[in-house]
Amino acid sequence: MNSIKCGMAALVLLGSTAPALAEDIYFTLYNESSRSLHYFYASPSVSSNWGPDLLRGGHTLSAGYNGTVTIADGSTECYYDFKFVMGDRSETVVEEINICELGSYTIYD
């Protein structure tokens, strides 16, 4: 899997709604790890590029906290790859997550 992905999405701290195909997708991201999340990227699994950091503006998601993720890239794809970059600079890539059926996602150590 390439480490470069392209797409548009945003981390928004709002309530979530049920996902719909070709509409905005919302899910709650829980950080149950012992480290802060400094960068979060998501893109359709069929893409070979990462998009912008979803924690725009230098924000972080501290350990023990959560936020609502909004993916509003106009894609009709359900399977996305996620890339997490933690405060200690460790990276984790998780492939082929069905965001159309995703109510929440939890990061663990």
PDB file of N, CA and C in Angstrom:
ATOM      1  N   MET A   1       0.849  -1.173   0.000  1.00  0.00           N
ATOM      2  CA  MET A   1       0.000   0.000   0.000  1.00  0.00           C
ATOM      3  C   MET A   1       0.886   1.225   0.000  1.00  0.00           C
ATOM      4  N   ASN A   2       0.676   2.133  -0.879  1.00  0.00           N
ATOM      5  CA  ASN A   2       1.443   3.362  -0.932  1.00  0.00           C
ATOM      6  C   ASN A   2       1.180   4.191   0.308  1.00  0.00           C
ATOM      7  N   SER A   3       2.153   5.015   0.686  1.00  0.00           N
ATOM      8  CA  SER A   3       1.975   5.850   1.856  1.00  0.00           C
ATOM      9  C   SER A   3       1.445   7.230   1.481  1.00  0.00           C
ATOM     10  N   ILE A   4       1.056   7.431   0.251  1.00  0.00           N
ATOM     11  CA  ILE A   4       0.482   8.697  -0.189  1.00  0.00           C
ATOM     12  C   ILE A   4      -0.944   8.421  -0.625  1.00  0.00           C
ATOM     13  N   LYS A   5      -1.896   9.168  -0.102  1.00  0.00           N
ATOM     14  CA  LYS A   5      -3.308   8.986  -0.440  1.00  0.00           C
ATOM     15  C   LYS A   5      -3.939  10.341  -0.707  1.00  0.00           C
ATOM     16  N   CYS A   6      -5.025  10.377  -1.495  1.00  0.00           N
ATOM     17  CA  CYS A   6      -5.697  11.632  -1.826  1.00  0.00           C
ATOM     18  C   CYS A   6      -7.184  11.512  -1.535  1.00  0.00           C
ATOM     19  N   GLY A   7      -7.809  12.548  -1.028  1.00  0.00           N
ATOM     20  CA  GLY A   7      -9.234  12.577  -0.744  1.00  0.00           C
ATOM     21  C   GLY A   7      -9.530  13.741   0.166  1.00  0.00           C
ATOM     22  N   MET A   8     -10.805  14.024   0.408  1.00  0.00           N
ATOM     23  CA  MET A   8     -11.186  15.110   1.294  1.00  0.00           C
ATOM     24  C   MET A   8     -12.021  14.548   2.423  1.00  0.00           C
ATOM     25  N   ALA A   9     -11.732  14.998   3.622  1.00  0.00           N
ATOM     26  CA  ALA A   9     -12.525  14.621   4.780  1.00  0.00           C
ATOM     27  C   ALA A   9     -12.211  15.611   5.878  1.00  0.00           C
ATOM     28  N   ALA A  10     -12.987  15.574   6.943  1.00  0.00           N
ATOM     29  CA  ALA A  10     -12.764  16.513   8.028  1.00  0.00           C
ATOM     30  C   ALA A  10     -13.115  15.851   9.348  1.00  0.00           C
ATOM     31  N   LEU A  11     -12.406  16.230  10.392  1.00  0.00           N
ATOM     32  CA  LEU A  11     -12.753  15.782  11.727  1.00  0.00           C
ATOM     33  C   LEU A  11     -13.617  16.871  12.325  1.00  0.00           C
ATOM     34  N   VAL A  12     -14.837  16.515  12.704  1.00  0.00           N
ATOM     35  CA  VAL A  12     -15.781  17.469  13.253  1.00  0.00           C
ATOM     36  C   VAL A  12     -16.282  16.913  14.572  1.00  0.00           C
ATOM     37  N   LEU A  13     -16.283  17.713  15.598  1.00  0.00           N
ATOM     38  CA  LEU A  13     -16.752  17.261  16.899  1.00  0.00           C
ATOM     39  C   LEU A  13     -18.237  17.578  17.026  1.00  0.00           C
ATOM     40  N   LEU A  14     -19.057  16.777  16.349  1.00  0.00           N
ATOM     41  CA  LEU A  14     -20.509  16.907  16.338  1.00  0.00           C
ATOM     42  C   LEU A  14     -21.132  15.543  16.547  1.00  0.00           C
ATOM     43  N   GLY A  15     -22.462  15.487  16.646  1.00  0.00           N
ATOM     44  CA  GLY A  15     -23.177  14.223  16.745  1.00  0.00           C
ATOM     45  C   GLY A  15     -23.105  13.475  15.429  1.00  0.00           C
ATOM     46  N   SER A  16     -23.298  12.163  15.455  1.00  0.00           N
ATOM     47  CA  SER A  16     -23.205  11.382  14.232  1.00  0.00           C
ATOM     48  C   SER A  16     -24.584  11.039  13.695  1.00  0.00           C
ATOM     49  N   THR A  17     -24.621  10.688  12.410  1.00  0.00           N
ATOM     50  CA  THR A  17     -25.846  10.232  11.768  1.00  0.00           C
ATOM     51  C   THR A  17     -25.541   8.949  11.028  1.00  0.00           C
ATOM     52  N   ALA A  18     -26.570   8.271  10.541  1.00  0.00           N
ATOM     53  CA  ALA A  18     -26.384   7.027   9.791  1.00  0.00           C
ATOM     54  C   ALA A  18     -25.731   7.318   8.449  1.00  0.00           C
ATOM     55  N   PRO A  19     -24.730   6.518   8.047  1.00  0.00           N
ATOM     56  CA  PRO A  19     -24.071   6.753   6.771  1.00  0.00           C
ATOM     57  C   PRO A  19     -24.976   6.403   5.597  1.00  0.00           C
ATOM     58  N   ALA A  20     -24.769   7.097   4.488  1.00  0.00           N
ATOM     59  CA  ALA A  20     -25.515   6.810   3.254  1.00  0.00           C
ATOM     60  C   ALA A  20     -24.556   6.874   2.085  1.00  0.00           C
ATOM     61  N   LEU A  21     -24.763   6.014   1.119  1.00  0.00           N
ATOM     62  CA  LEU A  21     -23.910   5.954  -0.048  1.00  0.00           C
ATOM     63  C   LEU A  21     -23.950   7.276  -0.802  1.00  0.00           C
ATOM     64  N   ALA A  22     -22.792   7.796  -1.208  1.00  0.00           N
ATOM     65  CA  ALA A  22     -22.635   9.033  -1.969  1.00  0.00           C
ATOM     66  C   ALA A  22     -23.077  10.257  -1.182  1.00  0.00           C
ATOM     67  N   GLU A  23     -23.185  10.139   0.105  1.00  0.00           N
ATOM     68  CA  GLU A  23     -23.472  11.262   0.983  1.00  0.00           C
ATOM     69  C   GLU A  23     -22.358  11.334   2.027  1.00  0.00           C
ATOM     70  N   ASP A  24     -22.405  12.372   2.836  1.00  0.00           N
ATOM     71  CA  ASP A  24     -21.414  12.477   3.896  1.00  0.00           C
ATOM     72  C   ASP A  24     -21.511  11.269   4.827  1.00  0.00           C
ATOM     73  N   ILE A  25     -20.355  10.779   5.261  1.00  0.00           N
ATOM     74  CA  ILE A  25     -20.269   9.648   6.177  1.00  0.00           C
ATOM     75  C   ILE A  25     -19.758  10.180   7.519  1.00  0.00           C
ATOM     76  N   TYR A  26     -20.411   9.776   8.591  1.00  0.00           N
ATOM     77  CA  TYR A  26     -20.028  10.187   9.936  1.00  0.00           C
ATOM     78  C   TYR A  26     -19.773   8.951  10.781  1.00  0.00           C
ATOM     79  N   PHE A  27     -18.723   8.996  11.583  1.00  0.00           N
ATOM     80  CA  PHE A  27     -18.496   7.950  12.579  1.00  0.00           C
ATOM     81  C   PHE A  27     -17.668   8.521  13.711  1.00  0.00           C
ATOM     82  N   THR A  28     -17.766   7.908  14.873  1.00  0.00           N
ATOM     83  CA  THR A  28     -17.033   8.365  16.040  1.00  0.00           C
ATOM     84  C   THR A  28     -15.678   7.668  16.076  1.00  0.00           C
ATOM     85  N   LEU A  29     -14.620   8.453  16.242  1.00  0.00           N
ATOM     86  CA  LEU A  29     -13.261   7.933  16.373  1.00  0.00           C
ATOM     87  C   LEU A  29     -12.860   8.029  17.841  1.00  0.00           C
ATOM     88  N   TYR A  30     -12.593   6.869  18.449  1.00  0.00           N
ATOM     89  CA  TYR A  30     -12.165   6.796  19.846  1.00  0.00           C
ATOM     90  C   TYR A  30     -10.671   6.537  19.895  1.00  0.00           C
ATOM     91  N   ASN A  31      -9.968   7.318  20.696  1.00  0.00           N
ATOM     92  CA  ASN A  31      -8.546   7.083  20.898  1.00  0.00           C
ATOM     93  C   ASN A  31      -8.364   6.424  22.260  1.00  0.00           C
ATOM     94  N   GLU A  32      -8.353   5.098  22.267  1.00  0.00           N
ATOM     95  CA  GLU A  32      -8.170   4.327  23.495  1.00  0.00           C
ATOM     96  C   GLU A  32      -6.719   3.871  23.637  1.00  0.00           C
ATOM     97  N   SER A  33      -5.822   4.498  22.888  1.00  0.00           N
ATOM     98  CA  SER A  33      -4.396   4.188  23.023  1.00  0.00           C
ATOM     99  C   SER A  33      -3.820   5.038  24.155  1.00  0.00           C
ATOM    100  N   SER A  34      -2.549   4.849  24.434  1.00  0.00           N
ATOM    101  CA  SER A  34      -1.887   5.644  25.472  1.00  0.00           C
ATOM    102  C   SER A  34      -1.170   6.851  24.885  1.00  0.00           C
ATOM    103  N   ARG A  35      -1.359   7.073  23.579  1.00  0.00           N
ATOM    104  CA  ARG A  35      -0.660   8.164  22.888  1.00  0.00           C
ATOM    105  C   ARG A  35      -1.655   9.085  22.189  1.00  0.00           C
ATOM    106  N   SER A  36      -1.270  10.333  21.984  1.00  0.00           N
ATOM    107  CA  SER A  36      -2.097  11.280  21.238  1.00  0.00           C
ATOM    108  C   SER A  36      -2.011  10.986  19.753  1.00  0.00           C
ATOM    109  N   LEU A  37      -3.137  11.146  19.078  1.00  0.00           N
ATOM    110  CA  LEU A  37      -3.179  11.034  17.617  1.00  0.00           C
ATOM    111  C   LEU A  37      -2.891  12.413  17.044  1.00  0.00           C
ATOM    112  N   HIS A  38      -1.848  12.514  16.230  1.00  0.00           N
ATOM    113  CA  HIS A  38      -1.449  13.808  15.675  1.00  0.00           C
ATOM    114  C   HIS A  38      -1.881  14.011  14.228  1.00  0.00           C
ATOM    115  N   TYR A  39      -1.996  12.926  13.462  1.00  0.00           N
ATOM    116  CA  TYR A  39      -2.424  13.011  12.062  1.00  0.00           C
ATOM    117  C   TYR A  39      -3.328  11.823  11.764  1.00  0.00           C
ATOM    118  N   PHE A  40      -4.392  12.091  11.011  1.00  0.00           N
ATOM    119  CA  PHE A  40      -5.311  11.025  10.618  1.00  0.00           C
ATOM    120  C   PHE A  40      -5.702  11.253   9.162  1.00  0.00           C
ATOM    121  N   TYR A  41      -5.479  10.231   8.335  1.00  0.00           N
ATOM    122  CA  TYR A  41      -5.775  10.299   6.910  1.00  0.00           C
ATOM    123  C   TYR A  41      -6.733   9.173   6.553  1.00  0.00           C
ATOM    124  N   ALA A  42      -7.598   9.415   5.572  1.00  0.00           N
ATOM    125  CA  ALA A  42      -8.509   8.385   5.068  1.00  0.00           C
ATOM    126  C   ALA A  42      -8.705   8.603   3.581  1.00  0.00           C
ATOM    127  N   SER A  43      -8.828   7.505   2.850  1.00  0.00           N
ATOM    128  CA  SER A  43      -9.128   7.605   1.427  1.00  0.00           C
ATOM    129  C   SER A  43      -9.716   6.293   0.952  1.00  0.00           C
ATOM    130  N   PRO A  44     -10.449   6.328  -0.164  1.00  0.00           N
ATOM    131  CA  PRO A  44     -10.989   5.076  -0.695  1.00  0.00           C
ATOM    132  C   PRO A  44      -9.870   4.059  -0.909  1.00  0.00           C
ATOM    133  N   SER A  45     -10.143   2.802  -0.616  1.00  0.00           N
ATOM    134  CA  SER A  45      -9.133   1.751  -0.760  1.00  0.00           C
ATOM    135  C   SER A  45      -8.631   1.620  -2.192  1.00  0.00           C
ATOM    136  N   VAL A  46      -9.436   2.021  -3.177  1.00  0.00           N
ATOM    137  CA  VAL A  46      -9.033   1.932  -4.582  1.00  0.00           C
ATOM    138  C   VAL A  46      -8.072   3.052  -4.976  1.00  0.00           C
ATOM    139  N   SER A  47      -7.868   4.033  -4.104  1.00  0.00           N
ATOM    140  CA  SER A  47      -6.974   5.157  -4.380  1.00  0.00           C
ATOM    141  C   SER A  47      -5.550   4.824  -3.953  1.00  0.00           C
ATOM    142  N   SER A  48      -4.577   5.434  -4.610  1.00  0.00           N
ATOM    143  CA  SER A  48      -3.176   5.211  -4.237  1.00  0.00           C
ATOM    144  C   SER A  48      -2.568   6.437  -3.558  1.00  0.00           C
ATOM    145  N   ASN A  49      -3.402   7.395  -3.174  1.00  0.00           N
ATOM    146  CA  ASN A  49      -2.917   8.633  -2.552  1.00  0.00           C
ATOM    147  C   ASN A  49      -3.687   8.937  -1.272  1.00  0.00           C
ATOM    148  N   TRP A  50      -2.977   9.509  -0.288  1.00  0.00           N
ATOM    149  CA  TRP A  50      -3.620   9.996   0.928  1.00  0.00           C
ATOM    150  C   TRP A  50      -4.025  11.441   0.704  1.00  0.00           C
ATOM    151  N   GLY A  51      -5.087  11.856   1.321  1.00  0.00           N
ATOM    152  CA  GLY A  51      -5.540  13.245   1.264  1.00  0.00           C
ATOM    153  C   GLY A  51      -4.971  14.043   2.420  1.00  0.00           C
ATOM    154  N   PRO A  52      -5.572  15.176   2.695  1.00  0.00           N
ATOM    155  CA  PRO A  52      -5.075  16.037   3.772  1.00  0.00           C
ATOM    156  C   PRO A  52      -5.325  15.429   5.151  1.00  0.00           C
ATOM    157  N   ASP A  53      -4.580  15.901   6.118  1.00  0.00           N
ATOM    158  CA  ASP A  53      -4.740  15.492   7.503  1.00  0.00           C
ATOM    159  C   ASP A  53      -6.149  15.861   7.970  1.00  0.00           C
ATOM    160  N   LEU A  54      -6.872  14.899   8.523  1.00  0.00           N
ATOM    161  CA  LEU A  54      -8.227  15.153   8.999  1.00  0.00           C
ATOM    162  C   LEU A  54      -8.255  15.923  10.308  1.00  0.00           C
ATOM    163  N   LEU A  55      -7.125  15.994  10.990  1.00  0.00           N
ATOM    164  CA  LEU A  55      -7.008  16.793  12.213  1.00  0.00           C
ATOM    165  C   LEU A  55      -6.384  18.138  11.857  1.00  0.00           C
ATOM    166  N   ARG A  56      -6.968  18.805  10.931  1.00  0.00           N
ATOM    167  CA  ARG A  56      -6.414  20.048  10.393  1.00  0.00           C
ATOM    168  C   ARG A  56      -6.107  21.082  11.462  1.00  0.00           C
ATOM    169  N   GLY A  57      -5.182  21.963  11.135  1.00  0.00           N
ATOM    170  CA  GLY A  57      -4.858  23.073  12.010  1.00  0.00           C
ATOM    171  C   GLY A  57      -3.994  22.707  13.196  1.00  0.00           C
ATOM    172  N   GLY A  58      -3.283  21.574  13.112  1.00  0.00           N
ATOM    173  CA  GLY A  58      -2.389  21.191  14.191  1.00  0.00           C
ATOM    174  C   GLY A  58      -3.107  20.611  15.406  1.00  0.00           C
ATOM    175  N   HIS A  59      -4.370  20.248  15.265  1.00  0.00           N
ATOM    176  CA  HIS A  59      -5.123  19.657  16.371  1.00  0.00           C
ATOM    177  C   HIS A  59      -4.668  18.218  16.606  1.00  0.00           C
ATOM    178  N   THR A  60      -4.898  17.736  17.809  1.00  0.00           N
ATOM    179  CA  THR A  60      -4.610  16.348  18.142  1.00  0.00           C
ATOM    180  C   THR A  60      -5.839  15.744  18.808  1.00  0.00           C
ATOM    181  N   LEU A  61      -5.897  14.419  18.802  1.00  0.00           N
ATOM    182  CA  LEU A  61      -6.929  13.688  19.542  1.00  0.00           C
ATOM    183  C   LEU A  61      -6.200  12.960  20.665  1.00  0.00           C
ATOM    184  N   SER A  62      -6.297  13.509  21.849  1.00  0.00           N
ATOM    185  CA  SER A  62      -5.575  12.977  22.995  1.00  0.00           C
ATOM    186  C   SER A  62      -6.065  11.595  23.383  1.00  0.00           C
ATOM    187  N   ALA A  63      -5.196  10.842  24.034  1.00  0.00           N
ATOM    188  CA  ALA A  63      -5.546   9.517  24.542  1.00  0.00           C
ATOM    189  C   ALA A  63      -6.762   9.649  25.453  1.00  0.00           C
ATOM    190  N   GLY A  64      -7.722   8.738  25.258  1.00  0.00           N
ATOM    191  CA  GLY A  64      -8.926   8.746  26.079  1.00  0.00           C
ATOM    192  C   GLY A  64     -10.050   9.620  25.556  1.00  0.00           C
ATOM    193  N   TYR A  65      -9.833  10.328  24.473  1.00  0.00           N
ATOM    194  CA  TYR A  65     -10.850  11.219  23.914  1.00  0.00           C
ATOM    195  C   TYR A  65     -11.420  10.651  22.619  1.00  0.00           C
ATOM    196  N   ASN A  66     -12.506  11.274  22.145  1.00  0.00           N
ATOM    197  CA  ASN A  66     -13.124  10.868  20.887  1.00  0.00           C
ATOM    198  C   ASN A  66     -13.628  12.091  20.142  1.00  0.00           C
ATOM    199  N   GLY A  67     -13.928  11.900  18.878  1.00  0.00           N
ATOM    200  CA  GLY A  67     -14.487  12.949  18.041  1.00  0.00           C
ATOM    201  C   GLY A  67     -15.230  12.318  16.885  1.00  0.00           C
ATOM    202  N   THR A  68     -16.083  13.092  16.254  1.00  0.00           N
ATOM    203  CA  THR A  68     -16.826  12.586  15.110  1.00  0.00           C
ATOM    204  C   THR A  68     -16.084  12.930  13.836  1.00  0.00           C
ATOM    205  N   VAL A  69     -15.865  11.930  13.016  1.00  0.00           N
ATOM    206  CA  VAL A  69     -15.193  12.097  11.728  1.00  0.00           C
ATOM    207  C   VAL A  69     -16.270  12.245  10.660  1.00  0.00           C
ATOM    208  N   THR A  70     -16.068  13.209   9.772  1.00  0.00           N
ATOM    209  CA  THR A  70     -16.946  13.391   8.621  1.00  0.00           C
ATOM    210  C   THR A  70     -16.122  13.161   7.368  1.00  0.00           C
ATOM    211  N   ILE A  71     -16.563  12.232   6.543  1.00  0.00           N
ATOM    212  CA  ILE A  71     -15.933  12.023   5.237  1.00  0.00           C
ATOM    213  C   ILE A  71     -16.927  12.531   4.208  1.00  0.00           C
ATOM    214  N   ALA A  72     -16.559  13.632   3.561  1.00  0.00           N
ATOM    215  CA  ALA A  72     -17.456  14.315   2.621  1.00  0.00           C
ATOM    216  C   ALA A  72     -16.738  14.542   1.302  1.00  0.00           C
ATOM    217  N   ASP A  73     -16.233  13.455   0.717  1.00  0.00           N
ATOM    218  CA  ASP A  73     -15.452  13.584  -0.511  1.00  0.00           C
ATOM    219  C   ASP A  73     -16.257  13.261  -1.767  1.00  0.00           C
ATOM    220  N   GLY A  74     -17.559  12.982  -1.628  1.00  0.00           N
ATOM    221  CA  GLY A  74     -18.398  12.694  -2.781  1.00  0.00           C
ATOM    222  C   GLY A  74     -18.204  11.308  -3.369  1.00  0.00           C
ATOM    223  N   SER A  75     -17.380  10.505  -2.757  1.00  0.00           N
ATOM    224  CA  SER A  75     -17.120   9.159  -3.255  1.00  0.00           C
ATOM    225  C   SER A  75     -18.310   8.245  -2.989  1.00  0.00           C
ATOM    226  N   THR A  76     -18.514   7.290  -3.867  1.00  0.00           N
ATOM    227  CA  THR A  76     -19.540   6.268  -3.649  1.00  0.00           C
ATOM    228  C   THR A  76     -18.915   4.981  -3.113  1.00  0.00           C
ATOM    229  N   GLU A  77     -17.612   5.014  -2.838  1.00  0.00           N
ATOM    230  CA  GLU A  77     -16.905   3.850  -2.294  1.00  0.00           C
ATOM    231  C   GLU A  77     -17.256   3.673  -0.818  1.00  0.00           C
ATOM    232  N   CYS A  78     -17.365   2.446  -0.386  1.00  0.00           N
ATOM    233  CA  CYS A  78     -17.585   2.145   1.029  1.00  0.00           C
ATOM    234  C   CYS A  78     -16.294   1.737   1.726  1.00  0.00           C
ATOM    235  N   TYR A  79     -15.342   1.163   0.993  1.00  0.00           N
ATOM    236  CA  TYR A  79     -14.115   0.669   1.608  1.00  0.00           C
ATOM    237  C   TYR A  79     -13.016   1.724   1.554  1.00  0.00           C
ATOM    238  N   TYR A  80     -12.549   2.090   2.748  1.00  0.00           N
ATOM    239  CA  TYR A  80     -11.532   3.123   2.907  1.00  0.00           C
ATOM    240  C   TYR A  80     -10.345   2.559   3.678  1.00  0.00           C
ATOM    241  N   ASP A  81      -9.191   3.168   3.456  1.00  0.00           N
ATOM    242  CA  ASP A  81      -7.995   2.883   4.240  1.00  0.00           C
ATOM    243  C   ASP A  81      -7.777   4.055   5.183  1.00  0.00           C
ATOM    244  N   PHE A  82      -7.318   3.769   6.394  1.00  0.00           N
ATOM    245  CA  PHE A  82      -7.015   4.788   7.392  1.00  0.00           C
ATOM    246  C   PHE A  82      -5.523   4.753   7.690  1.00  0.00           C
ATOM    247  N   LYS A  83      -4.967   5.929   7.924  1.00  0.00           N
ATOM    248  CA  LYS A  83      -3.576   6.031   8.370  1.00  0.00           C
ATOM    249  C   LYS A  83      -3.559   6.923   9.605  1.00  0.00           C
ATOM    250  N   PHE A  84      -2.996   6.373  10.694  1.00  0.00           N
ATOM    251  CA  PHE A  84      -2.890   7.084  11.960  1.00  0.00           C
ATOM    252  C   PHE A  84      -1.417   7.363  12.249  1.00  0.00           C
ATOM    253  N   VAL A  85      -1.089   8.593  12.598  1.00  0.00           N
ATOM    254  CA  VAL A  85       0.270   8.958  13.004  1.00  0.00           C
ATOM    255  C   VAL A  85       0.166   9.505  14.424  1.00  0.00           C
ATOM    256  N   MET A  86       0.815   8.801  15.334  1.00  0.00           N
ATOM    257  CA  MET A  86       0.724   9.136  16.746  1.00  0.00           C
ATOM    258  C   MET A  86       1.806  10.146  17.136  1.00  0.00           C
ATOM    259  N   GLY A  87       1.690  10.659  18.359  1.00  0.00           N
ATOM    260  CA  GLY A  87       2.623  11.657  18.865  1.00  0.00           C
ATOM    261  C   GLY A  87       4.063  11.195  18.906  1.00  0.00           C
ATOM    262  N   ASP A  88       4.282   9.880  19.031  1.00  0.00           N
ATOM    263  CA  ASP A  88       5.644   9.345  19.036  1.00  0.00           C
ATOM    264  C   ASP A  88       6.147   9.047  17.621  1.00  0.00           C
ATOM    265  N   ARG A  89       5.384   9.501  16.618  1.00  0.00           N
ATOM    266  CA  ARG A  89       5.686   9.364  15.188  1.00  0.00           C
ATOM    267  C   ARG A  89       5.475   7.953  14.635  1.00  0.00           C
ATOM    268  N   SER A  90       4.934   7.052  15.441  1.00  0.00           N
ATOM    269  CA  SER A  90       4.609   5.727  14.926  1.00  0.00           C
ATOM    270  C   SER A  90       3.399   5.846  13.996  1.00  0.00           C
ATOM    271  N   GLU A  91       3.382   5.007  12.960  1.00  0.00           N
ATOM    272  CA  GLU A  91       2.308   5.032  11.972  1.00  0.00           C
ATOM    273  C   GLU A  91       1.630   3.670  11.901  1.00  0.00           C
ATOM    274  N   THR A  92       0.320   3.705  11.741  1.00  0.00           N
ATOM    275  CA  THR A  92      -0.458   2.491  11.538  1.00  0.00           C
ATOM    276  C   THR A  92      -1.384   2.723  10.359  1.00  0.00           C
ATOM    277  N   VAL A  93      -1.400   1.770   9.423  1.00  0.00           N
ATOM    278  CA  VAL A  93      -2.322   1.815   8.294  1.00  0.00           C
ATOM    279  C   VAL A  93      -3.276   0.636   8.437  1.00  0.00           C
ATOM    280  N   VAL A  94      -4.560   0.919   8.352  1.00  0.00           N
ATOM    281  CA  VAL A  94      -5.594  -0.108   8.407  1.00  0.00           C
ATOM    282  C   VAL A  94      -6.321  -0.053   7.073  1.00  0.00           C
ATOM    283  N   GLU A  95      -6.402  -1.201   6.398  1.00  0.00           N
ATOM    284  CA  GLU A  95      -6.955  -1.230   5.046  1.00  0.00           C
ATOM    285  C   GLU A  95      -8.370  -1.787   5.011  1.00  0.00           C
ATOM    286  N   GLU A  96      -9.116  -1.320   4.038  1.00  0.00           N
ATOM    287  CA  GLU A  96     -10.435  -1.830   3.664  1.00  0.00           C
ATOM    288  C   GLU A  96     -11.435  -1.868   4.820  1.00  0.00           C
ATOM    289  N   ILE A  97     -11.673  -0.710   5.408  1.00  0.00           N
ATOM    290  CA  ILE A  97     -12.685  -0.551   6.441  1.00  0.00           C
ATOM    291  C   ILE A  97     -13.972  -0.111   5.748  1.00  0.00           C
ATOM    292  N   ASN A  98     -15.067  -0.808   6.004  1.00  0.00           N
ATOM    293  CA  ASN A  98     -16.343  -0.465   5.389  1.00  0.00           C
ATOM    294  C   ASN A  98     -16.962   0.701   6.149  1.00  0.00           C
ATOM    295  N   ILE A  99     -16.743   1.921   5.659  1.00  0.00           N
ATOM    296  CA  ILE A  99     -17.254   3.103   6.355  1.00  0.00           C
ATOM    297  C   ILE A  99     -18.760   3.253   6.205  1.00  0.00           C
ATOM    298  N   CYS A 100     -19.366   2.582   5.227  1.00  0.00           N
ATOM    299  CA  CYS A 100     -20.819   2.660   5.044  1.00  0.00           C
ATOM    300  C   CYS A 100     -21.561   1.957   6.166  1.00  0.00           C
ATOM    301  N   GLU A 101     -20.892   1.043   6.852  1.00  0.00           N
ATOM    302  CA  GLU A 101     -21.495   0.319   7.966  1.00  0.00           C
ATOM    303  C   GLU A 101     -20.816   0.632   9.293  1.00  0.00           C
ATOM    304  N   LEU A 102     -19.948   1.622   9.304  1.00  0.00           N
ATOM    305  CA  LEU A 102     -19.130   1.937  10.466  1.00  0.00           C
ATOM    306  C   LEU A 102     -19.827   2.980  11.342  1.00  0.00           C
ATOM    307  N   GLY A 103     -20.117   2.628  12.574  1.00  0.00           N
ATOM    308  CA  GLY A 103     -20.677   3.582  13.511  1.00  0.00           C
ATOM    309  C   GLY A 103     -19.594   4.233  14.348  1.00  0.00           C
ATOM    310  N   SER A 104     -18.494   3.462  14.565  1.00  0.00           N
ATOM    311  CA  SER A 104     -17.367   3.985  15.332  1.00  0.00           C
ATOM    312  C   SER A 104     -16.120   3.182  14.974  1.00  0.00           C
ATOM    313  N   TYR A 105     -14.979   3.774  15.286  1.00  0.00           N
ATOM    314  CA  TYR A 105     -13.693   3.089  15.112  1.00  0.00           C
ATOM    315  C   TYR A 105     -12.848   3.443  16.317  1.00  0.00           C
ATOM    316  N   THR A 106     -12.153   2.453  16.876  1.00  0.00           N
ATOM    317  CA  THR A 106     -11.342   2.686  18.069  1.00  0.00           C
ATOM    318  C   THR A 106      -9.880   2.386  17.780  1.00  0.00           C
ATOM    319  N   ILE A 107      -9.024   3.307  18.191  1.00  0.00           N
ATOM    320  CA  ILE A 107      -7.566   3.129  18.089  1.00  0.00           C
ATOM    321  C   ILE A 107      -7.093   2.561  19.421  1.00  0.00           C
ATOM    322  N   TYR A 108      -6.340   1.458  19.347  1.00  0.00           N
ATOM    323  CA  TYR A 108      -5.741   0.850  20.538  1.00  0.00           C
ATOM    324  C   TYR A 108      -4.225   0.826  20.342  1.00  0.00           C
ATOM    325  N   ASP A 109      -3.500   0.604  21.452  1.00  0.00           N
ATOM    326  CA  ASP A 109      -2.046   0.418  21.372  1.00  0.00           C
ATOM    327  C   ASP A 109      -1.736  -0.909  20.739  1.00  0.00           C
TER     328      ASP A 109
END
